[in-house]
C-alpha atoms as a PDB file:
ATOM      1  CA  MET A   1      -2.184  10.873   8.696  1.00  0.00           C
ATOM      2  CA  PRO A   2       0.702  10.472  11.578  1.00  0.00           C
ATOM      3  CA  THR A   3       4.094  11.229   9.896  1.00  0.00           C
ATOM      4  CA  VAL A   4       7.041   9.252  10.138  1.00  0.00           C
ATOM      5  CA  PHE A   5       9.823  11.132   9.062  1.00  0.00           C
ATOM      6  CA  ARG A   6       9.881  13.581   6.193  1.00  0.00           C
ATOM      7  CA  HIS A   7      13.141  13.221   3.506  1.00  0.00           C
ATOM      8  CA  GLU A   8      14.181  15.865   1.011  1.00  0.00           C
ATOM      9  CA  GLY A   9      10.801  17.378   0.824  1.00  0.00           C
ATOM     10  CA  TYR A  10       8.290  14.153   1.243  1.00  0.00           C
ATOM     11  CA  ARG A  11       6.849  13.143   3.572  1.00  0.00           C
ATOM     12  CA  PHE A  12       6.981   9.375   4.977  1.00  0.00           C
ATOM     13  CA  PHE A  13       3.035   8.294   6.942  1.00  0.00           C
ATOM     14  CA  PHE A  14       0.532   6.272   7.516  1.00  0.00           C
ATOM     15  CA  TYR A  15      -3.087   6.489   7.382  1.00  0.00           C
ATOM     16  CA  SER A  16      -5.025   6.402  10.606  1.00  0.00           C
ATOM     17  CA  ASN A  17      -8.485   4.453   9.103  1.00  0.00           C
ATOM     18  CA  GLU A  18      -6.016   1.636   6.969  1.00  0.00           C
ATOM     19  CA  GLY A  19      -9.170  -0.769   6.435  1.00  0.00           C
ATOM     20  CA  ASP A  20     -10.702  -3.610   8.296  1.00  0.00           C
ATOM     21  CA  PRO A  21      -8.822  -5.739   8.816  1.00  0.00           C
ATOM     22  CA  ARG A  22      -5.932  -3.483   8.520  1.00  0.00           C
ATOM     23  CA  GLU A  23      -3.276  -3.948   5.654  1.00  0.00           C
ATOM     24  CA  PRO A  24      -0.235  -4.851   5.874  1.00  0.00           C
ATOM     25  CA  VAL A  25       2.901  -2.713   6.914  1.00  0.00           C
ATOM     26  CA  HIS A  26       3.141  -0.113   4.749  1.00  0.00           C
ATOM     27  CA  VAL A  27       4.217   3.566   4.175  1.00  0.00           C
ATOM     28  CA  HIS A  28       2.029   6.556   1.886  1.00  0.00           C
ATOM     29  CA  VAL A  29       4.803   8.997   0.624  1.00  0.00           C
ATOM     30  CA  MET A  30       3.680  12.404  -0.877  1.00  0.00           C
ATOM     31  CA  LYS A  31       5.282  15.644  -2.248  1.00  0.00           C
ATOM     32  CA  ASP A  32       3.158  18.037  -3.669  1.00  0.00           C
ATOM     33  CA  ARG A  33       0.128  16.813  -5.460  1.00  0.00           C
ATOM     34  CA  SER A  34       2.106  12.994  -6.172  1.00  0.00           C
ATOM     35  CA  GLU A  35       1.363   9.754  -3.977  1.00  0.00           C
ATOM     36  CA  ALA A  36       2.984   6.682  -3.560  1.00  0.00           C
ATOM     37  CA  LYS A  37       2.445   3.322  -1.215  1.00  0.00           C
ATOM     38  CA  PHE A  38       4.839   0.965  -0.501  1.00  0.00           C
ATOM     39  CA  TRP A  39       4.564  -2.469   1.376  1.00  0.00           C
ATOM     40  CA  VAL A  40       7.311  -3.144   3.804  1.00  0.00           C
ATOM     41  CA  GLU A  41       6.883  -6.562   4.899  1.00  0.00           C
ATOM     42  CA  PRO A  42       8.430  -8.955   4.155  1.00  0.00           C
ATOM     43  CA  GLU A  43       9.882  -6.981   1.292  1.00  0.00           C
ATOM     44  CA  VAL A  44       9.843  -3.293   0.238  1.00  0.00           C
ATOM     45  CA  ARG A  45       7.214  -3.022  -2.929  1.00  0.00           C
ATOM     46  CA  LEU A  46       5.637  -0.350  -4.301  1.00  0.00           C
ATOM     47  CA  GLU A  47       2.100  -0.954  -4.280  1.00  0.00           C
ATOM     48  CA  ARG A  48       0.563   2.229  -6.520  1.00  0.00           C
ATOM     49  CA  THR A  49       1.604   5.952  -7.121  1.00  0.00           C
ATOM     50  CA  ALA A  50      -0.227   8.499  -8.316  1.00  0.00           C
ATOM     51  CA  GLY A  51       2.087  10.921 -10.052  1.00  0.00           C
ATOM     52  CA  PHE A  52       5.823   9.860  -9.265  1.00  0.00           C
ATOM     53  CA  GLU A  53       8.105   9.291 -12.360  1.00  0.00           C
ATOM     54  CA  ALA A  54      10.032   5.623 -12.487  1.00  0.00           C
ATOM     55  CA  ARG A  55      13.467   7.299 -11.145  1.00  0.00           C
ATOM     56  CA  THR A  56      11.788   8.989  -8.765  1.00  0.00           C
ATOM     57  CA  LEU A  57       9.721   5.814  -6.992  1.00  0.00           C
ATOM     58  CA  ARG A  58      13.345   3.917  -7.391  1.00  0.00           C
ATOM     59  CA  ARG A  59      15.044   6.641  -4.800  1.00  0.00           C
ATOM     60  CA  LEU A  60      11.723   6.213  -2.479  1.00  0.00           C
ATOM     61  CA  ALA A  61      11.826   2.891  -2.375  1.00  0.00           C
ATOM     62  CA  GLU A  62      15.951   2.895  -1.104  1.00  0.00           C
ATOM     63  CA  VAL A  63      14.917   5.308   1.365  1.00  0.00           C
ATOM     64  CA  VAL A  64      11.838   3.173   2.856  1.00  0.00           C
ATOM     65  CA  THR A  65      14.723  -0.026   2.399  1.00  0.00           C
ATOM     66  CA  VAL A  66      16.751   2.322   4.844  1.00  0.00           C
ATOM     67  CA  ASN A  67      14.398   2.963   6.887  1.00  0.00           C
ATOM     68  CA  ARG A  68      12.409  -0.039   7.309  1.00  0.00           C
ATOM     69  CA  GLU A  69      12.874  -0.530  10.788  1.00  0.00           C
ATOM     70  CA  ARG A  70      11.907   2.921  11.811  1.00  0.00           C
ATOM     71  CA  ILE A  71       8.433   2.502   9.377  1.00  0.00           C
ATOM     72  CA  LYS A  72       7.918  -1.321  11.091  1.00  0.00           C
ATOM     73  CA  GLU A  73       8.298   0.604  14.953  1.00  0.00           C
ATOM     74  CA  ALA A  74       6.455   3.289  13.682  1.00  0.00           C
ATOM     75  CA  TRP A  75       3.314   1.572  12.644  1.00  0.00           C
ATOM     76  CA  HIS A  76       3.151  -0.879  15.512  1.00  0.00           C
ATOM     77  CA  GLY A  77       3.363   1.823  17.897  1.00  0.00           C
ATOM     78  CA  HIS A  78       0.510   3.539  16.327  1.00  0.00           C
ATOM     79  CA  PHE A  79      -1.991   0.700  15.180  1.00  0.00           C
ATOM     80  CA  GLY A  80      -0.288  -1.331  18.236  1.00  0.00           C
ATOM     81  CA  GLY A  81       0.802  -5.422  18.090  1.00  0.00           C
END
């Protein structure tokens, strides 16, 4: 599970076994026992969550949006293509 970056105690990461065929570019966010998954392309949007409240999800979506290129570079560096 490569960590892309950490922000205010949240861990932004990928699972190395992202399906076959591989899912589109996305990032998982975890803090304590809560987790969310955001699609990065074609635009940032929440795919699912467990434990985060709506206000936190809006903030996390902003962090993903600001770091979108960084996430995409890390994704392609890890998975290729």
